[in-house]
PDB file of all heavy atoms in Angstrom:
ATOM      1  N   ASP A   1       0.811  -1.220   0.000  1.00  0.00           N
ATOM      2  CA  ASP A   1       0.000   0.000   0.000  1.00  0.00           C
ATOM      3  C   ASP A   1       0.841   1.266   0.000  1.00  0.00           C
ATOM      4  O   ASP A   1       0.321   2.362   0.163  1.00  0.00           O
ATOM      5  CB  ASP A   1      -0.941   0.006   1.220  1.00  0.00           C
ATOM      6  CG  ASP A   1      -1.961  -1.122   1.164  1.00  0.00           C
ATOM      7  OD1 ASP A   1      -2.372  -1.476   0.037  1.00  0.00           O
ATOM      8  OD2 ASP A   1      -2.317  -1.651   2.228  1.00  0.00           O
ATOM      9  N   ASN A   2       2.156   1.122  -0.162  1.00  0.00           N
ATOM     10  CA  ASN A   2       3.051   2.273  -0.092  1.00  0.00           C
ATOM     11  C   ASN A   2       3.673   2.582  -1.451  1.00  0.00           C
ATOM     12  O   ASN A   2       4.777   3.087  -1.540  1.00  0.00           O
ATOM     13  CB  ASN A   2       4.158   2.019   0.950  1.00  0.00           C
ATOM     14  CG  ASN A   2       4.911   3.283   1.302  1.00  0.00           C
ATOM     15  OD1 ASN A   2       4.355   4.374   1.328  1.00  0.00           O
ATOM     16  ND2 ASN A   2       6.206   3.133   1.565  1.00  0.00           N
ATOM     17  N   TYR A   3       2.957   2.239  -2.518  1.00  0.00           N
ATOM     18  CA  TYR A   3       3.401   2.514  -3.882  1.00  0.00           C
ATOM     19  C   TYR A   3       4.783   1.927  -4.169  1.00  0.00           C
ATOM     20  O   TYR A   3       5.653   2.589  -4.733  1.00  0.00           O
ATOM     21  CB  TYR A   3       3.391   4.024  -4.145  1.00  0.00           C
ATOM     22  CG  TYR A   3       2.059   4.655  -3.832  1.00  0.00           C
ATOM     23  CD1 TYR A   3       1.907   5.519  -2.747  1.00  0.00           C
ATOM     24  CD2 TYR A   3       0.932   4.367  -4.596  1.00  0.00           C
ATOM     25  CE1 TYR A   3       0.677   6.085  -2.437  1.00  0.00           C
ATOM     26  CE2 TYR A   3      -0.305   4.926  -4.289  1.00  0.00           C
ATOM     27  CZ  TYR A   3      -0.422   5.773  -3.210  1.00  0.00           C
ATOM     28  OH  TYR A   3      -1.645   6.313  -2.911  1.00  0.00           O
ATOM     29  N   GLY A   4       4.950   0.681  -3.778  1.00  0.00           N
ATOM     30  CA  GLY A   4       6.213   0.010  -4.049  1.00  0.00           C
ATOM     31  C   GLY A   4       6.358  -0.313  -5.521  1.00  0.00           C
ATOM     32  O   GLY A   4       5.403  -0.746  -6.175  1.00  0.00           O
ATOM     33  N   MET A   5       7.552  -0.105  -6.073  1.00  0.00           N
ATOM     34  CA  MET A   5       7.795  -0.292  -7.503  1.00  0.00           C
ATOM     35  C   MET A   5       9.006  -1.174  -7.747  1.00  0.00           C
ATOM     36  O   MET A   5      10.027  -1.042  -7.076  1.00  0.00           O
ATOM     37  CB  MET A   5       8.034   1.065  -8.184  1.00  0.00           C
ATOM     38  CG  MET A   5       6.844   1.980  -8.218  1.00  0.00           C
ATOM     39  SD  MET A   5       7.266   3.652  -8.820  1.00  0.00           S
ATOM     40  CE  MET A   5       7.882   4.419  -7.296  1.00  0.00           C
ATOM     41  N   VAL A   6       8.882  -2.075  -8.695  1.00  0.00           N
ATOM     42  CA  VAL A   6      10.013  -2.865  -9.176  1.00  0.00           C
ATOM     43  C   VAL A   6      10.241  -2.461 -10.623  1.00  0.00           C
ATOM     44  O   VAL A   6       9.463  -2.808 -11.507  1.00  0.00           O
ATOM     45  CB  VAL A   6       9.721  -4.376  -9.091  1.00  0.00           C
ATOM     46  CG1 VAL A   6      10.917  -5.167  -9.616  1.00  0.00           C
ATOM     47  CG2 VAL A   6       9.385  -4.786  -7.668  1.00  0.00           C
ATOM     48  N   HIS A   7      11.301  -1.697 -10.863  1.00  0.00           N
ATOM     49  CA  HIS A   7      11.504  -1.184 -12.219  1.00  0.00           C
ATOM     50  C   HIS A   7      11.999  -2.286 -13.133  1.00  0.00           C
ATOM     51  O   HIS A   7      12.517  -3.312 -12.685  1.00  0.00           O
ATOM     52  CB  HIS A   7      12.471   0.001 -12.210  1.00  0.00           C
ATOM     53  CG  HIS A   7      13.905  -0.387 -12.027  1.00  0.00           C
ATOM     54  ND1 HIS A   7      14.747  -0.644 -13.083  1.00  0.00           N
ATOM     55  CD2 HIS A   7      14.649  -0.543 -10.906  1.00  0.00           C
ATOM     56  CE1 HIS A   7      15.949  -0.943 -12.622  1.00  0.00           C
ATOM     57  NE2 HIS A   7      15.920  -0.905 -11.310  1.00  0.00           N
ATOM     58  N   THR A   8      11.832  -2.082 -14.421  1.00  0.00           N
ATOM     59  CA  THR A   8      12.337  -3.014 -15.422  1.00  0.00           C
ATOM     60  C   THR A   8      13.511  -2.370 -16.154  1.00  0.00           C
ATOM     61  O   THR A   8      13.881  -1.228 -15.879  1.00  0.00           O
ATOM     62  CB  THR A   8      11.242  -3.359 -16.451  1.00  0.00           C
ATOM     63  OG1 THR A   8      10.935  -2.177 -17.204  1.00  0.00           O
ATOM     64  CG2 THR A   8       9.986  -3.879 -15.769  1.00  0.00           C
ATOM     65  N   GLU A   9      14.066  -3.110 -17.084  1.00  0.00           N
ATOM     66  CA  GLU A   9      15.170  -2.583 -17.907  1.00  0.00           C
ATOM     67  C   GLU A   9      14.668  -1.766 -19.086  1.00  0.00           C
ATOM     68  O   GLU A   9      15.469  -1.324 -19.909  1.00  0.00           O
ATOM     69  CB  GLU A   9      16.040  -3.739 -18.417  1.00  0.00           C
ATOM     70  CG  GLU A   9      15.375  -4.653 -19.421  1.00  0.00           C
ATOM     71  CD  GLU A   9      14.514  -5.731 -18.782  1.00  0.00           C
ATOM     72  OE1 GLU A   9      14.310  -5.693 -17.546  1.00  0.00           O
ATOM     73  OE2 GLU A   9      14.045  -6.629 -19.513  1.00  0.00           O
ATOM     74  N   ASN A  10      13.381  -1.511 -19.164  1.00  0.00           N
ATOM     75  CA  ASN A  10      12.799  -0.874 -20.348  1.00  0.00           C
ATOM     76  C   ASN A  10      13.178   0.594 -20.519  1.00  0.00           C
ATOM     77  O   ASN A  10      13.125   1.371 -19.566  1.00  0.00           O
ATOM     78  CB  ASN A  10      11.269  -0.970 -20.300  1.00  0.00           C
ATOM     79  CG  ASN A  10      10.763  -2.378 -20.529  1.00  0.00           C
ATOM     80  OD1 ASN A  10      11.522  -3.258 -20.935  1.00  0.00           O
ATOM     81  ND2 ASN A  10       9.496  -2.611 -20.283  1.00  0.00           N
ATOM     82  N   PHE A  11      13.554   0.937 -21.763  1.00  0.00           N
ATOM     83  CA  PHE A  11      13.624   2.325 -22.217  1.00  0.00           C
ATOM     84  C   PHE A  11      12.367   2.557 -23.054  1.00  0.00           C
ATOM     85  O   PHE A  11      11.999   1.706 -23.863  1.00  0.00           O
ATOM     86  CB  PHE A  11      14.855   2.560 -23.090  1.00  0.00           C
ATOM     87  CG  PHE A  11      16.159   2.629 -22.330  1.00  0.00           C
ATOM     88  CD1 PHE A  11      16.208   2.465 -20.958  1.00  0.00           C
ATOM     89  CD2 PHE A  11      17.346   2.861 -23.009  1.00  0.00           C
ATOM     90  CE1 PHE A  11      17.415   2.526 -20.266  1.00  0.00           C
ATOM     91  CE2 PHE A  11      18.553   2.926 -22.330  1.00  0.00           C
ATOM     92  CZ  PHE A  11      18.591   2.759 -20.957  1.00  0.00           C
ATOM     93  N   ILE A  12      11.728   3.703 -22.866  1.00  0.00           N
ATOM     94  CA  ILE A  12      10.479   3.987 -23.553  1.00  0.00           C
ATOM     95  C   ILE A  12      10.663   5.196 -24.451  1.00  0.00           C
ATOM     96  O   ILE A  12      11.108   6.251 -23.999  1.00  0.00           O
ATOM     97  CB  ILE A  12       9.342   4.244 -22.550  1.00  0.00           C
ATOM     98  CG1 ILE A  12       9.246   3.107 -21.524  1.00  0.00           C
ATOM     99  CG2 ILE A  12       8.004   4.385 -23.271  1.00  0.00           C
ATOM    100  CD1 ILE A  12       9.937   3.390 -20.230  1.00  0.00           C
ATOM    101  N   LEU A  13      10.319   5.049 -25.733  1.00  0.00           N
ATOM    102  CA  LEU A  13      10.435   6.137 -26.696  1.00  0.00           C
ATOM    103  C   LEU A  13       9.098   6.875 -26.781  1.00  0.00           C
ATOM    104  O   LEU A  13       8.058   6.271 -27.064  1.00  0.00           O
ATOM    105  CB  LEU A  13      10.817   5.580 -28.072  1.00  0.00           C
ATOM    106  CG  LEU A  13      10.951   6.589 -29.211  1.00  0.00           C
ATOM    107  CD1 LEU A  13      12.027   7.631 -28.902  1.00  0.00           C
ATOM    108  CD2 LEU A  13      11.255   5.869 -30.531  1.00  0.00           C
ATOM    109  N   ILE A  14       9.133   8.182 -26.533  1.00  0.00           N
ATOM    110  CA  ILE A  14       7.936   9.016 -26.510  1.00  0.00           C
ATOM    111  C   ILE A  14       8.017  10.047 -27.628  1.00  0.00           C
ATOM    112  O   ILE A  14       9.057  10.672 -27.829  1.00  0.00           O
ATOM    113  CB  ILE A  14       7.787   9.737 -25.146  1.00  0.00           C
ATOM    114  CG1 ILE A  14       7.884   8.739 -23.983  1.00  0.00           C
ATOM    115  CG2 ILE A  14       6.482  10.530 -25.097  1.00  0.00           C
ATOM    116  CD1 ILE A  14       6.821   7.676 -23.988  1.00  0.00           C
ATOM    117  N   ASP A  15       6.900  10.229 -28.350  1.00  0.00           N
ATOM    118  CA  ASP A  15       6.902  11.190 -29.450  1.00  0.00           C
ATOM    119  C   ASP A  15       6.453  12.578 -28.998  1.00  0.00           C
ATOM    120  O   ASP A  15       6.199  12.812 -27.806  1.00  0.00           O
ATOM    121  CB  ASP A  15       6.073  10.682 -30.634  1.00  0.00           C
ATOM    122  CG  ASP A  15       4.568  10.614 -30.348  1.00  0.00           C
ATOM    123  OD1 ASP A  15       4.091  11.213 -29.358  1.00  0.00           O
ATOM    124  OD2 ASP A  15       3.850   9.954 -31.138  1.00  0.00           O
ATOM    125  N   LYS A  16       6.366  13.502 -29.920  1.00  0.00           N
ATOM    126  CA  LYS A  16       6.038  14.897 -29.599  1.00  0.00           C
ATOM    127  C   LYS A  16       4.590  15.082 -29.160  1.00  0.00           C
ATOM    128  O   LYS A  16       4.247  16.125 -28.590  1.00  0.00           O
ATOM    129  CB  LYS A  16       6.335  15.791 -30.807  1.00  0.00           C
ATOM    130  CG  LYS A  16       7.805  15.853 -31.163  1.00  0.00           C
ATOM    131  CD  LYS A  16       8.063  16.773 -32.346  1.00  0.00           C
ATOM    132  CE  LYS A  16       9.535  16.810 -32.725  1.00  0.00           C
ATOM    133  NZ  LYS A  16       9.804  17.743 -33.854  1.00  0.00           N
ATOM    134  N   GLU A  17       3.770  14.065 -29.404  1.00  0.00           N
ATOM    135  CA  GLU A  17       2.370  14.104 -28.949  1.00  0.00           C
ATOM    136  C   GLU A  17       2.184  13.360 -27.635  1.00  0.00           C
ATOM    137  O   GLU A  17       1.068  13.078 -27.225  1.00  0.00           O
ATOM    138  CB  GLU A  17       1.452  13.504 -30.020  1.00  0.00           C
ATOM    139  CG  GLU A  17       1.246  14.382 -31.238  1.00  0.00           C
ATOM    140  CD  GLU A  17       2.467  14.414 -32.147  1.00  0.00           C
ATOM    141  OE1 GLU A  17       3.077  13.352 -32.379  1.00  0.00           O
ATOM    142  OE2 GLU A  17       2.827  15.510 -32.623  1.00  0.00           O
ATOM    143  N   LYS A  18       3.304  13.003 -26.984  1.00  0.00           N
ATOM    144  CA  LYS A  18       3.307  12.331 -25.680  1.00  0.00           C
ATOM    145  C   LYS A  18       2.796  10.890 -25.758  1.00  0.00           C
ATOM    146  O   LYS A  18       2.264  10.357 -24.797  1.00  0.00           O
ATOM    147  CB  LYS A  18       2.498  13.122 -24.643  1.00  0.00           C
ATOM    148  CG  LYS A  18       2.954  14.562 -24.459  1.00  0.00           C
ATOM    149  CD  LYS A  18       2.219  15.276 -23.345  1.00  0.00           C
ATOM    150  CE  LYS A  18       0.772  15.514 -23.684  1.00  0.00           C
ATOM    151  NZ  LYS A  18       0.069  16.318 -22.640  1.00  0.00           N
ATOM    152  N   ARG A  19       2.999  10.244 -26.915  1.00  0.00           N
ATOM    153  CA  ARG A  19       2.546   8.878 -27.120  1.00  0.00           C
ATOM    154  C   ARG A  19       3.724   7.907 -27.060  1.00  0.00           C
ATOM    155  O   ARG A  19       4.840   8.246 -27.454  1.00  0.00           O
ATOM    156  CB  ARG A  19       1.839   8.746 -28.475  1.00  0.00           C
ATOM    157  CG  ARG A  19       0.642   9.669 -28.634  1.00  0.00           C
ATOM    158  CD  ARG A  19       0.074   9.630 -30.038  1.00  0.00           C
ATOM    159  NE  ARG A  19       1.059  10.035 -31.046  1.00  0.00           N
ATOM    160  CZ  ARG A  19       0.774  10.225 -32.321  1.00  0.00           C
ATOM    161  NH1 ARG A  19      -0.474  10.042 -32.753  1.00  0.00           N
ATOM    162  NH2 ARG A  19       1.715  10.596 -33.178  1.00  0.00           N
ATOM    163  N   VAL A  20       3.480   6.690 -26.603  1.00  0.00           N
ATOM    164  CA  VAL A  20       4.518   5.661 -26.554  1.00  0.00           C
ATOM    165  C   VAL A  20       4.705   5.086 -27.949  1.00  0.00           C
ATOM    166  O   VAL A  20       3.769   4.564 -28.557  1.00  0.00           O
ATOM    167  CB  VAL A  20       4.129   4.540 -25.568  1.00  0.00           C
ATOM    168  CG1 VAL A  20       5.196   3.442 -25.580  1.00  0.00           C
ATOM    169  CG2 VAL A  20       3.943   5.085 -24.162  1.00  0.00           C
ATOM    170  N   ARG A  21       5.943   5.152 -28.466  1.00  0.00           N
ATOM    171  CA  ARG A  21       6.225   4.676 -29.829  1.00  0.00           C
ATOM    172  C   ARG A  21       7.167   3.475 -29.862  1.00  0.00           C
ATOM    173  O   ARG A  21       7.427   2.924 -30.933  1.00  0.00           O
ATOM    174  CB  ARG A  21       6.799   5.811 -30.674  1.00  0.00           C
ATOM    175  CG  ARG A  21       5.916   7.040 -30.735  1.00  0.00           C
ATOM    176  CD  ARG A  21       4.506   6.749 -31.246  1.00  0.00           C
ATOM    177  NE  ARG A  21       4.503   6.245 -32.599  1.00  0.00           N
ATOM    178  CZ  ARG A  21       4.420   7.034 -33.681  1.00  0.00           C
ATOM    179  NH1 ARG A  21       4.349   8.353 -33.541  1.00  0.00           N
ATOM    180  NH2 ARG A  21       4.382   6.507 -34.886  1.00  0.00           N
ATOM    181  N   GLY A  22       7.690   3.083 -28.689  1.00  0.00           N
ATOM    182  CA  GLY A  22       8.556   1.912 -28.673  1.00  0.00           C
ATOM    183  C   GLY A  22       9.074   1.623 -27.283  1.00  0.00           C
ATOM    184  O   GLY A  22       9.179   2.524 -26.451  1.00  0.00           O
ATOM    185  N   THR A  23       9.381   0.352 -27.030  1.00  0.00           N
ATOM    186  CA  THR A  23      10.046  -0.034 -25.777  1.00  0.00           C
ATOM    187  C   THR A  23      11.248  -0.904 -26.139  1.00  0.00           C
ATOM    188  O   THR A  23      11.193  -1.692 -27.096  1.00  0.00           O
ATOM    189  CB  THR A  23       9.108  -0.808 -24.837  1.00  0.00           C
ATOM    190  OG1 THR A  23       8.670  -2.017 -25.480  1.00  0.00           O
ATOM    191  CG2 THR A  23       7.899   0.037 -24.460  1.00  0.00           C
ATOM    192  N   TYR A  24      12.316  -0.772 -25.356  1.00  0.00           N
ATOM    193  CA  TYR A  24      13.583  -1.415 -25.678  1.00  0.00           C
ATOM    194  C   TYR A  24      14.254  -1.888 -24.396  1.00  0.00           C
ATOM    195  O   TYR A  24      14.118  -1.258 -23.341  1.00  0.00           O
ATOM    196  CB  TYR A  24      14.508  -0.425 -26.411  1.00  0.00           C
ATOM    197  CG  TYR A  24      13.806   0.311 -27.525  1.00  0.00           C
ATOM    198  CD1 TYR A  24      13.017   1.436 -27.244  1.00  0.00           C
ATOM    199  CD2 TYR A  24      13.889  -0.129 -28.842  1.00  0.00           C
ATOM    200  CE1 TYR A  24      12.338   2.097 -28.261  1.00  0.00           C
ATOM    201  CE2 TYR A  24      13.215   0.533 -29.861  1.00  0.00           C
ATOM    202  CZ  TYR A  24      12.433   1.650 -29.558  1.00  0.00           C
ATOM    203  OH  TYR A  24      11.749   2.302 -30.560  1.00  0.00           O
ATOM    204  N   ASP A  25      14.995  -2.967 -24.512  1.00  0.00           N
ATOM    205  CA  ASP A  25      15.766  -3.476 -23.381  1.00  0.00           C
ATOM    206  C   ASP A  25      16.987  -2.572 -23.179  1.00  0.00           C
ATOM    207  O   ASP A  25      17.905  -2.569 -24.002  1.00  0.00           O
ATOM    208  CB  ASP A  25      16.195  -4.919 -23.662  1.00  0.00           C
ATOM    209  CG  ASP A  25      16.939  -5.564 -22.507  1.00  0.00           C
ATOM    210  OD1 ASP A  25      17.478  -4.831 -21.646  1.00  0.00           O
ATOM    211  OD2 ASP A  25      16.999  -6.807 -22.464  1.00  0.00           O
ATOM    212  N   GLY A  26      16.986  -1.822 -22.109  1.00  0.00           N
ATOM    213  CA  GLY A  26      18.055  -0.860 -21.856  1.00  0.00           C
ATOM    214  C   GLY A  26      19.383  -1.474 -21.478  1.00  0.00           C
ATOM    215  O   GLY A  26      20.375  -0.764 -21.317  1.00  0.00           O
ATOM    216  N   THR A  27      19.421  -2.815 -21.363  1.00  0.00           N
ATOM    217  CA  THR A  27      20.687  -3.499 -21.065  1.00  0.00           C
ATOM    218  C   THR A  27      21.256  -4.191 -22.302  1.00  0.00           C
ATOM    219  O   THR A  27      22.317  -4.811 -22.230  1.00  0.00           O
ATOM    220  CB  THR A  27      20.501  -4.554 -19.957  1.00  0.00           C
ATOM    221  OG1 THR A  27      19.630  -5.606 -20.433  1.00  0.00           O
ATOM    222  CG2 THR A  27      19.890  -3.931 -18.710  1.00  0.00           C
ATOM    223  N   ASN A  28      20.540  -4.084 -23.416  1.00  0.00           N
ATOM    224  CA  ASN A  28      20.916  -4.802 -24.627  1.00  0.00           C
ATOM    225  C   ASN A  28      21.436  -3.818 -25.675  1.00  0.00           C
ATOM    226  O   ASN A  28      20.695  -2.966 -26.162  1.00  0.00           O
ATOM    227  CB  ASN A  28      19.689  -5.561 -25.157  1.00  0.00           C
ATOM    228  CG  ASN A  28      20.000  -6.433 -26.347  1.00  0.00           C
ATOM    229  OD1 ASN A  28      20.639  -6.016 -27.304  1.00  0.00           O
ATOM    230  ND2 ASN A  28      19.538  -7.671 -26.312  1.00  0.00           N
ATOM    231  N   GLU A  29      22.702  -3.940 -26.046  1.00  0.00           N
ATOM    232  CA  GLU A  29      23.314  -2.987 -26.967  1.00  0.00           C
ATOM    233  C   GLU A  29      22.659  -3.010 -28.348  1.00  0.00           C
ATOM    234  O   GLU A  29      22.569  -1.975 -29.005  1.00  0.00           O
ATOM    235  CB  GLU A  29      24.815  -3.252 -27.082  1.00  0.00           C
ATOM    236  CG  GLU A  29      25.586  -2.910 -25.802  1.00  0.00           C
ATOM    237  CD  GLU A  29      27.087  -3.043 -25.980  1.00  0.00           C
ATOM    238  OE1 GLU A  29      27.527  -3.325 -27.124  1.00  0.00           O
ATOM    239  OE2 GLU A  29      27.811  -2.849 -24.992  1.00  0.00           O
TER     240      GLU A  29
END
């Protein structure tokens, strides 16, 4: 109940309209 978060390795690409356009493994070259 304390807003606990487990983050992932994801990088998220956001466009100029504030929309999600892609997700990528931030640990993978």
